[in-house]
Amino acid sequence: MRRVHLGNARAPNLDCAVYDRHALACGQRIEGPALIEERETTTFIPAGWSAAIDATACIMAERESATRRARKPRVAANPVPATMA
């Protein structure tokens, strides 16, 4: 987990799970709020969004509908520790 400042006065700090981009497997799904780190960039997945790694290793993010969020059981995130070289 990492505390992130988003520049928003209403929610100035947010705890995010942190994932190593190169350790993510095809089909793996990540629930926001989360950071996906790699050497060249960092991808932020906000709360209410999820991201999945597709068959071509692209990060595909989508906003979850209110109905889907209400039905989905909450599962604890198991982030992959990010290490920067």
Protein backbone atom coordinates (compact mmCIF):
# COMPACT_ATOMS: atom_id res chain seq x y z
CA MET A 1 0.00 0.00 0.00
CA ARG A 2 1.10 3.51 -0.73
CA ARG A 3 -0.46 6.81 0.30
CA VAL A 4 -1.08 8.90 -2.83
CA HIS A 5 -1.86 12.62 -3.06
CA LEU A 6 -4.26 13.34 -5.93
CA GLY A 7 -4.48 17.11 -5.52
CA ASN A 8 -8.13 16.94 -4.49
CA ALA A 9 -9.06 19.04 -1.46
CA ARG A 10 -12.04 16.77 -0.60
CA ALA A 11 -9.89 13.62 -0.59
CA PRO A 12 -6.30 14.80 -0.37
CA ASN A 13 -4.72 11.39 0.34
CA LEU A 14 -5.68 7.90 -0.76
CA ASP A 15 -4.21 4.51 0.14
CA CYS A 16 -3.56 2.49 -3.03
CA ALA A 17 -2.39 -1.06 -3.65
CA VAL A 18 0.79 -1.06 -5.77
CA TYR A 19 1.45 -3.64 -8.51
CA ASP A 20 4.55 -4.38 -10.59
CA ARG A 21 3.36 -4.21 -14.22
CA HIS A 22 5.75 -6.90 -15.45
CA ALA A 23 4.64 -9.38 -12.76
CA LEU A 24 0.95 -9.23 -13.77
CA ALA A 25 -0.42 -12.30 -15.55
CA CYS A 26 -2.78 -12.44 -18.52
CA GLY A 27 -6.35 -12.33 -17.23
CA GLN A 28 -5.39 -10.88 -13.85
CA ARG A 29 -7.93 -8.31 -12.59
CA ILE A 30 -7.09 -5.38 -10.32
CA GLU A 31 -9.66 -3.35 -8.39
CA GLY A 32 -9.11 0.37 -7.83
CA PRO A 33 -7.79 2.31 -6.15
CA ALA A 34 -4.46 0.94 -7.33
CA LEU A 35 -1.19 1.91 -8.98
CA ILE A 36 0.43 -0.21 -11.68
CA GLU A 37 4.11 0.69 -11.89
CA GLU A 38 6.64 0.07 -14.62
CA ARG A 39 9.91 1.73 -15.56
CA GLU A 40 8.41 4.13 -18.11
CA THR A 41 5.12 5.08 -16.44
CA THR A 42 2.62 4.58 -13.64
CA THR A 43 -1.05 3.78 -14.31
CA PHE A 44 -3.63 4.91 -11.74
CA ILE A 45 -6.83 2.86 -11.42
CA PRO A 46 -9.37 4.92 -9.41
CA ALA A 47 -11.95 3.56 -6.99
CA GLY A 48 -14.98 2.30 -8.90
CA TRP A 49 -12.79 1.11 -11.77
CA SER A 50 -11.02 -2.17 -12.44
CA ALA A 51 -8.29 -3.18 -14.83
CA ALA A 52 -7.45 -6.49 -16.45
CA ILE A 53 -4.44 -7.68 -18.43
CA ASP A 54 -5.61 -8.88 -21.85
CA ALA A 55 -4.14 -11.57 -24.14
CA THR A 56 -1.76 -9.04 -25.73
CA ALA A 57 -0.54 -7.87 -22.28
CA CYS A 58 -2.38 -4.52 -22.51
CA ILE A 59 -4.01 -2.98 -19.45
CA MET A 60 -7.75 -2.69 -20.10
CA ALA A 61 -9.54 -0.44 -17.59
CA GLU A 62 -13.29 -0.17 -17.20
CA ARG A 63 -15.65 1.71 -14.93
CA GLU A 64 -17.87 -0.55 -12.88
CA SER A 65 -21.60 0.09 -12.83
CA ALA A 66 -23.28 0.80 -9.47
CA THR A 67 -25.30 -2.41 -9.84
CA ARG A 68 -22.22 -4.52 -10.45
CA ARG A 69 -20.39 -2.98 -7.47
CA ALA A 70 -23.36 -3.67 -5.19
CA ARG A 71 -23.53 -7.37 -6.20
CA LYS A 72 -19.81 -8.06 -6.20
CA PRO A 73 -18.29 -9.44 -2.98
CA ARG A 74 -15.33 -7.46 -1.71
CA VAL A 75 -12.09 -9.43 -1.99
CA ALA A 76 -8.90 -8.29 -0.33
CA ALA A 77 -6.24 -7.22 -2.83
CA ASN A 78 -3.05 -9.20 -2.95
CA PRO A 79 -0.64 -6.75 -4.60
CA VAL A 80 2.60 -7.82 -6.19
CA PRO A 81 5.45 -5.88 -4.52
CA ALA A 82 6.82 -3.30 -6.96
CA THR A 83 10.58 -2.99 -7.25
CA MET A 84 12.11 -0.35 -9.45
CA ALA A 85 15.49 -1.08 -11.06
